[in-house]
Amino acid sequence: MKQRNLVVISAGLSQPSSTRLLADQLSAAAVRAAAQLGVTLDVQVVELRDLAHEITDHMLTGFAPAALKQAQDAVAAADALITVTPVFSASFSGLFKSFFDVLDQDALLDKPVLLAATAGTARHSLVLEHALRPLFAYLRALPTPTAVFAASDDWGANSVEGPLRGRIDRAAAELARELERREPATVTDPFALTADFEDMMKSL
């Protein structure tokens, strides 16, 4: 079995939240889909609610506190991401955007990302295309074709096993295929020597 790392970013503000519920369902579906392809996923969930103060501190000081640094490192080392945001004012939440503002500029380079959002009404479903997809295109990530939106009505007893379940499974299968066909992510040490020390001495 191949081993890959999946990081789930949940930007829900309440506890419990529909945002975290959708994140959990997406990650569980991704684990199942990956297992069918011979890939074992190590899943780590990052709750941005718990990092809100640290994200603000980082934006003001330029330094990441310990817990935020761990989250940043996890994202950089991930083979893929699942990102879920609540919809505020017809776009992603400020907390969601702020987290990606404090990542290294190359942290998401060519990284598969499953996009998802939650809101009270289906009228906000286009946020996936007019806000989330352009953001991750700008960050040079690789959004999967199927994004998942869940409105309040989608969490009914019948709805969750209907259209929403189909979208979750389709998006998870797309993410699993990307994970299966790619080599594990590698993180470059910015302090590592890029030239042989002996050769460097010869040039002096």
C-alpha atoms as a PDB file:
ATOM      1  CA  MET A   1       0.000   0.000   0.000  1.00  0.00           C
ATOM      2  CA  LYS A   2       1.144   3.521  -0.769  1.00  0.00           C
ATOM      3  CA  GLN A   3       1.127   6.015   2.098  1.00  0.00           C
ATOM      4  CA  ARG A   4       0.023   9.602   1.547  1.00  0.00           C
ATOM      5  CA  ASN A   5      -0.730  12.601   3.788  1.00  0.00           C
ATOM      6  CA  LEU A   6      -4.086  14.389   3.589  1.00  0.00           C
ATOM      7  CA  VAL A   7      -4.650  17.669   5.445  1.00  0.00           C
ATOM      8  CA  VAL A   8      -8.217  18.858   5.995  1.00  0.00           C
ATOM      9  CA  ILE A   9      -8.749  22.594   6.553  1.00  0.00           C
ATOM     10  CA  SER A  10     -12.038  23.416   8.288  1.00  0.00           C
ATOM     11  CA  ALA A  11     -12.980  27.064   8.796  1.00  0.00           C
ATOM     12  CA  GLY A  12     -16.202  26.555  10.730  1.00  0.00           C
ATOM     13  CA  LEU A  13     -16.733  28.945  13.634  1.00  0.00           C
ATOM     14  CA  SER A  14     -19.294  27.117  15.745  1.00  0.00           C
ATOM     15  CA  GLN A  15     -18.892  23.837  17.585  1.00  0.00           C
ATOM     16  CA  PRO A  16     -20.258  21.613  16.202  1.00  0.00           C
ATOM     17  CA  SER A  17     -20.492  23.126  12.719  1.00  0.00           C
ATOM     18  CA  SER A  18     -21.854  21.996   9.371  1.00  0.00           C
ATOM     19  CA  THR A  19     -18.483  23.009   7.919  1.00  0.00           C
ATOM     20  CA  ARG A  20     -16.652  20.466  10.086  1.00  0.00           C
ATOM     21  CA  LEU A  21     -19.370  17.887   9.372  1.00  0.00           C
ATOM     22  CA  LEU A  22     -18.819  18.277   5.631  1.00  0.00           C
ATOM     23  CA  ALA A  23     -15.044  18.178   6.118  1.00  0.00           C
ATOM     24  CA  ASP A  24     -15.331  14.901   8.034  1.00  0.00           C
ATOM     25  CA  GLN A  25     -17.588  13.332   5.413  1.00  0.00           C
ATOM     26  CA  LEU A  26     -15.249  14.369   2.611  1.00  0.00           C
ATOM     27  CA  SER A  27     -12.155  13.034   4.380  1.00  0.00           C
ATOM     28  CA  ALA A  28     -13.882   9.734   5.205  1.00  0.00           C
ATOM     29  CA  ALA A  29     -14.939   9.352   1.565  1.00  0.00           C
ATOM     30  CA  ALA A  30     -11.396  10.159   0.421  1.00  0.00           C
ATOM     31  CA  VAL A  31      -9.970   7.493   2.753  1.00  0.00           C
ATOM     32  CA  ARG A  32     -12.384   4.915   1.320  1.00  0.00           C
ATOM     33  CA  ALA A  33     -11.709   5.893  -2.294  1.00  0.00           C
ATOM     34  CA  ALA A  34      -7.945   5.898  -1.787  1.00  0.00           C
ATOM     35  CA  ALA A  35      -8.013   2.483  -0.118  1.00  0.00           C
ATOM     36  CA  GLN A  36      -9.698   1.055  -3.220  1.00  0.00           C
ATOM     37  CA  LEU A  37      -6.676   2.273  -5.208  1.00  0.00           C
ATOM     38  CA  GLY A  38      -4.142   0.824  -2.773  1.00  0.00           C
ATOM     39  CA  VAL A  39      -3.394   4.091  -0.977  1.00  0.00           C
ATOM     40  CA  THR A  40      -3.506   4.571   2.800  1.00  0.00           C
ATOM     41  CA  LEU A  41      -4.225   8.127   3.910  1.00  0.00           C
ATOM     42  CA  ASP A  42      -2.853   9.699   7.070  1.00  0.00           C
ATOM     43  CA  VAL A  43      -5.458  12.395   7.779  1.00  0.00           C
ATOM     44  CA  GLN A  44      -4.774  15.531   9.822  1.00  0.00           C
ATOM     45  CA  VAL A  45      -7.549  18.055  10.495  1.00  0.00           C
ATOM     46  CA  VAL A  46      -6.713  21.728  11.020  1.00  0.00           C
ATOM     47  CA  GLU A  47      -9.491  23.678  12.756  1.00  0.00           C
ATOM     48  CA  LEU A  48      -8.918  27.327  11.889  1.00  0.00           C
ATOM     49  CA  ARG A  49     -11.214  28.401  14.726  1.00  0.00           C
ATOM     50  CA  ASP A  50      -8.518  27.269  17.146  1.00  0.00           C
ATOM     51  CA  LEU A  51      -5.852  29.265  15.287  1.00  0.00           C
ATOM     52  CA  ALA A  52      -7.735  32.540  14.798  1.00  0.00           C
ATOM     53  CA  HIS A  53      -5.697  34.562  17.301  1.00  0.00           C
ATOM     54  CA  GLU A  54      -2.403  33.098  16.105  1.00  0.00           C
ATOM     55  CA  ILE A  55      -3.228  33.899  12.483  1.00  0.00           C
ATOM     56  CA  THR A  56      -3.909  37.522  13.465  1.00  0.00           C
ATOM     57  CA  ASP A  57      -0.693  37.677  15.496  1.00  0.00           C
ATOM     58  CA  HIS A  58       1.259  36.376  12.495  1.00  0.00           C
ATOM     59  CA  MET A  59      -0.276  38.966  10.185  1.00  0.00           C
ATOM     60  CA  LEU A  60       0.706  41.725  12.633  1.00  0.00           C
ATOM     61  CA  THR A  61       4.191  40.522  13.578  1.00  0.00           C
ATOM     62  CA  GLY A  62       5.331  38.349  10.673  1.00  0.00           C
ATOM     63  CA  PHE A  63       6.075  35.446  13.035  1.00  0.00           C
ATOM     64  CA  ALA A  64       4.013  32.278  13.343  1.00  0.00           C
ATOM     65  CA  PRO A  65       3.274  31.027  16.881  1.00  0.00           C
ATOM     66  CA  ALA A  66       3.932  27.337  17.493  1.00  0.00           C
ATOM     67  CA  ALA A  67       0.484  25.897  16.746  1.00  0.00           C
ATOM     68  CA  LEU A  68       0.126  27.925  13.544  1.00  0.00           C
ATOM     69  CA  LYS A  69       3.626  26.910  12.447  1.00  0.00           C
ATOM     70  CA  GLN A  70       2.666  23.255  12.884  1.00  0.00           C
ATOM     71  CA  ALA A  71      -0.384  23.808  10.682  1.00  0.00           C
ATOM     72  CA  GLN A  72       1.684  25.607   8.048  1.00  0.00           C
ATOM     73  CA  ASP A  73       4.246  22.790   8.026  1.00  0.00           C
ATOM     74  CA  ALA A  74       1.482  20.180   7.747  1.00  0.00           C
ATOM     75  CA  VAL A  75       0.040  21.936   4.692  1.00  0.00           C
ATOM     76  CA  ALA A  76       3.461  22.229   3.063  1.00  0.00           C
ATOM     77  CA  ALA A  77       4.142  18.511   3.613  1.00  0.00           C
ATOM     78  CA  ALA A  78       0.665  17.334   2.573  1.00  0.00           C
ATOM     79  CA  ASP A  79       0.141  15.322  -0.563  1.00  0.00           C
ATOM     80  CA  ALA A  80      -3.354  16.820  -0.914  1.00  0.00           C
ATOM     81  CA  LEU A  81      -5.788  19.125   0.863  1.00  0.00           C
ATOM     82  CA  ILE A  82      -9.500  19.232   1.551  1.00  0.00           C
ATOM     83  CA  THR A  83     -10.594  22.811   2.277  1.00  0.00           C
ATOM     84  CA  VAL A  84     -14.044  23.724   3.615  1.00  0.00           C
ATOM     85  CA  THR A  85     -15.257  27.235   4.371  1.00  0.00           C
ATOM     86  CA  PRO A  86     -18.570  28.709   5.467  1.00  0.00           C
ATOM     87  CA  VAL A  87     -19.926  31.381   3.148  1.00  0.00           C
ATOM     88  CA  PHE A  88     -19.898  34.959   4.453  1.00  0.00           C
ATOM     89  CA  SER A  89     -21.094  37.883   2.283  1.00  0.00           C
ATOM     90  CA  ALA A  90     -21.155  35.696  -0.840  1.00  0.00           C
ATOM     91  CA  SER A  91     -17.528  34.580  -0.469  1.00  0.00           C
ATOM     92  CA  PHE A  92     -15.163  32.538   1.686  1.00  0.00           C
ATOM     93  CA  SER A  93     -14.790  33.587   5.318  1.00  0.00           C
ATOM     94  CA  GLY A  94     -12.132  36.071   6.402  1.00  0.00           C
ATOM     95  CA  LEU A  95     -10.569  33.473   8.684  1.00  0.00           C
ATOM     96  CA  PHE A  96     -10.287  31.012   5.803  1.00  0.00           C
ATOM     97  CA  LYS A  97      -8.615  33.573   3.532  1.00  0.00           C
ATOM     98  CA  SER A  98      -6.313  34.812   6.297  1.00  0.00           C
ATOM     99  CA  PHE A  99      -4.903  31.332   6.858  1.00  0.00           C
ATOM    100  CA  PHE A 100      -3.902  31.029   3.226  1.00  0.00           C
ATOM    101  CA  ASP A 101      -2.495  34.572   3.340  1.00  0.00           C
ATOM    102  CA  VAL A 102       0.082  33.478   5.937  1.00  0.00           C
ATOM    103  CA  LEU A 103       1.265  30.361   4.083  1.00  0.00           C
ATOM    104  CA  ASP A 104       4.530  30.323   2.172  1.00  0.00           C
ATOM    105  CA  GLN A 105       3.964  31.449  -1.412  1.00  0.00           C
ATOM    106  CA  ASP A 106       4.943  28.018  -2.765  1.00  0.00           C
ATOM    107  CA  ALA A 107       3.152  25.906  -0.139  1.00  0.00           C
ATOM    108  CA  LEU A 108       0.342  24.856  -2.484  1.00  0.00           C
ATOM    109  CA  LEU A 109       2.329  24.634  -5.704  1.00  0.00           C
ATOM    110  CA  ASP A 110       0.830  21.821  -7.852  1.00  0.00           C
ATOM    111  CA  LYS A 111      -0.920  20.356  -4.784  1.00  0.00           C
ATOM    112  CA  PRO A 112      -4.322  18.683  -5.356  1.00  0.00           C
ATOM    113  CA  VAL A 113      -7.082  20.461  -3.434  1.00  0.00           C
ATOM    114  CA  LEU A 114     -10.708  19.443  -3.002  1.00  0.00           C
ATOM    115  CA  LEU A 115     -12.803  22.607  -2.612  1.00  0.00           C
ATOM    116  CA  ALA A 116     -15.939  22.702  -0.471  1.00  0.00           C
ATOM    117  CA  ALA A 117     -18.237  25.229   1.178  1.00  0.00           C
ATOM    118  CA  THR A 118     -21.315  25.414   3.382  1.00  0.00           C
ATOM    119  CA  ALA A 119     -24.099  27.980   3.679  1.00  0.00           C
ATOM    120  CA  GLY A 120     -27.661  28.358   4.815  1.00  0.00           C
ATOM    121  CA  THR A 121     -29.082  28.476   1.319  1.00  0.00           C
ATOM    122  CA  ALA A 122     -28.279  26.953  -2.065  1.00  0.00           C
ATOM    123  CA  ARG A 123     -28.200  30.460  -3.558  1.00  0.00           C
ATOM    124  CA  HIS A 124     -24.562  30.660  -2.436  1.00  0.00           C
ATOM    125  CA  SER A 125     -23.426  27.552  -4.307  1.00  0.00           C
ATOM    126  CA  LEU A 126     -21.635  29.529  -7.018  1.00  0.00           C
ATOM    127  CA  VAL A 127     -19.113  30.699  -4.399  1.00  0.00           C
ATOM    128  CA  LEU A 128     -17.147  27.583  -5.306  1.00  0.00           C
ATOM    129  CA  GLU A 129     -16.546  28.863  -8.823  1.00  0.00           C
ATOM    130  CA  HIS A 130     -16.404  32.649  -8.449  1.00  0.00           C
ATOM    131  CA  ALA A 131     -14.379  32.789  -5.226  1.00  0.00           C
ATOM    132  CA  LEU A 132     -12.729  29.527  -4.173  1.00  0.00           C
ATOM    133  CA  ARG A 133     -11.509  28.220  -7.524  1.00  0.00           C
ATOM    134  CA  PRO A 134      -9.847  31.528  -8.548  1.00  0.00           C
ATOM    135  CA  LEU A 135      -8.153  31.763  -5.139  1.00  0.00           C
ATOM    136  CA  PHE A 136      -6.543  28.351  -5.427  1.00  0.00           C
ATOM    137  CA  ALA A 137      -5.661  28.911  -9.069  1.00  0.00           C
ATOM    138  CA  TYR A 138      -3.800  32.033  -7.960  1.00  0.00           C
ATOM    139  CA  LEU A 139      -2.013  29.998  -5.274  1.00  0.00           C
ATOM    140  CA  ARG A 140      -0.951  27.588  -8.069  1.00  0.00           C
ATOM    141  CA  ALA A 141      -2.729  24.647  -6.475  1.00  0.00           C
ATOM    142  CA  LEU A 142      -4.554  21.999  -8.507  1.00  0.00           C
ATOM    143  CA  PRO A 143      -8.277  22.101  -7.630  1.00  0.00           C
ATOM    144  CA  THR A 144     -10.086  18.871  -8.433  1.00  0.00           C
ATOM    145  CA  PRO A 145     -12.889  19.109 -11.038  1.00  0.00           C
ATOM    146  CA  THR A 146     -15.747  18.463  -8.601  1.00  0.00           C
ATOM    147  CA  ALA A 147     -16.267  20.945  -5.768  1.00  0.00           C
ATOM    148  CA  VAL A 148     -18.828  20.267  -3.041  1.00  0.00           C
ATOM    149  CA  PHE A 149     -21.403  22.695  -1.657  1.00  0.00           C
ATOM    150  CA  ALA A 150     -23.794  21.887   1.180  1.00  0.00           C
ATOM    151  CA  ALA A 151     -26.727  24.075   2.174  1.00  0.00           C
ATOM    152  CA  SER A 152     -28.767  23.578   5.318  1.00  0.00           C
ATOM    153  CA  ASP A 153     -31.361  21.571   3.398  1.00  0.00           C
ATOM    154  CA  ASP A 154     -28.686  19.082   2.305  1.00  0.00           C
ATOM    155  CA  TRP A 155     -28.365  17.768   5.849  1.00  0.00           C
ATOM    156  CA  GLY A 156     -31.874  16.316   5.966  1.00  0.00           C
ATOM    157  CA  ALA A 157     -32.284  12.581   6.543  1.00  0.00           C
ATOM    158  CA  ASN A 158     -32.929  11.904   2.863  1.00  0.00           C
ATOM    159  CA  SER A 159     -30.728  14.590   1.335  1.00  0.00           C
ATOM    160  CA  VAL A 160     -27.428  13.451   2.838  1.00  0.00           C
ATOM    161  CA  GLU A 161     -27.756  10.072   1.147  1.00  0.00           C
ATOM    162  CA  GLY A 162     -28.910  11.611  -2.109  1.00  0.00           C
ATOM    163  CA  PRO A 163     -27.320  14.323  -4.272  1.00  0.00           C
ATOM    164  CA  LEU A 164     -24.891  15.469  -1.569  1.00  0.00           C
ATOM    165  CA  ARG A 165     -23.579  11.942  -1.048  1.00  0.00           C
ATOM    166  CA  GLY A 166     -23.063  11.611  -4.799  1.00  0.00           C
ATOM    167  CA  ARG A 167     -21.054  14.853  -4.943  1.00  0.00           C
ATOM    168  CA  ILE A 168     -18.972  13.863  -1.936  1.00  0.00           C
ATOM    169  CA  ASP A 169     -18.124  10.451  -3.377  1.00  0.00           C
ATOM    170  CA  ARG A 170     -17.317  11.845  -6.836  1.00  0.00           C
ATOM    171  CA  ALA A 171     -15.046  14.572  -5.454  1.00  0.00           C
ATOM    172  CA  ALA A 172     -13.319  12.102  -3.118  1.00  0.00           C
ATOM    173  CA  ALA A 173     -12.705   9.674  -5.987  1.00  0.00           C
ATOM    174  CA  GLU A 174     -11.101  12.436  -8.062  1.00  0.00           C
ATOM    175  CA  LEU A 175      -8.826  13.382  -5.182  1.00  0.00           C
ATOM    176  CA  ALA A 176      -7.898   9.750  -4.557  1.00  0.00           C
ATOM    177  CA  ARG A 177      -6.879   9.271  -8.186  1.00  0.00           C
ATOM    178  CA  GLU A 178      -4.590  12.298  -7.979  1.00  0.00           C
ATOM    179  CA  LEU A 179      -2.995  10.924  -4.812  1.00  0.00           C
ATOM    180  CA  GLU A 180      -2.497   7.478  -6.347  1.00  0.00           C
ATOM    181  CA  ARG A 181      -0.767   8.711  -9.493  1.00  0.00           C
ATOM    182  CA  ARG A 182       1.584  11.192  -7.815  1.00  0.00           C
ATOM    183  CA  GLU A 183       4.818  10.742  -5.937  1.00  0.00           C
ATOM    184  CA  PRO A 184       4.783  11.788  -2.252  1.00  0.00           C
ATOM    185  CA  ALA A 185       5.204  15.496  -1.582  1.00  0.00           C
ATOM    186  CA  THR A 186       8.682  16.701  -0.710  1.00  0.00           C
ATOM    187  CA  VAL A 187       9.500  19.782   1.332  1.00  0.00           C
ATOM    188  CA  THR A 188      12.680  21.663   0.550  1.00  0.00           C
ATOM    189  CA  ASP A 189      14.724  22.802   3.528  1.00  0.00           C
ATOM    190  CA  PRO A 190      15.408  26.513   2.929  1.00  0.00           C
ATOM    191  CA  PHE A 191      18.617  26.221   4.961  1.00  0.00           C
ATOM    192  CA  ALA A 192      19.939  23.127   3.198  1.00  0.00           C
ATOM    193  CA  LEU A 193      23.175  23.478   1.209  1.00  0.00           C
ATOM    194  CA  THR A 194      22.528  23.340  -2.527  1.00  0.00           C
ATOM    195  CA  ALA A 195      26.188  22.835  -3.448  1.00  0.00           C
ATOM    196  CA  ASP A 196      28.931  20.531  -2.232  1.00  0.00           C
ATOM    197  CA  PHE A 197      30.926  22.178   0.576  1.00  0.00           C
ATOM    198  CA  GLU A 198      34.249  21.031  -0.885  1.00  0.00           C
ATOM    199  CA  ASP A 199      33.389  22.598  -4.239  1.00  0.00           C
ATOM    200  CA  MET A 200      32.442  25.818  -2.498  1.00  0.00           C
ATOM    201  CA  MET A 201      35.853  25.934  -0.789  1.00  0.00           C
ATOM    202  CA  LYS A 202      37.639  25.409  -4.116  1.00  0.00           C
ATOM    203  CA  SER A 203      35.928  28.473  -5.531  1.00  0.00           C
ATOM    204  CA  LEU A 204      37.268  30.735  -2.774  1.00  0.00           C
END
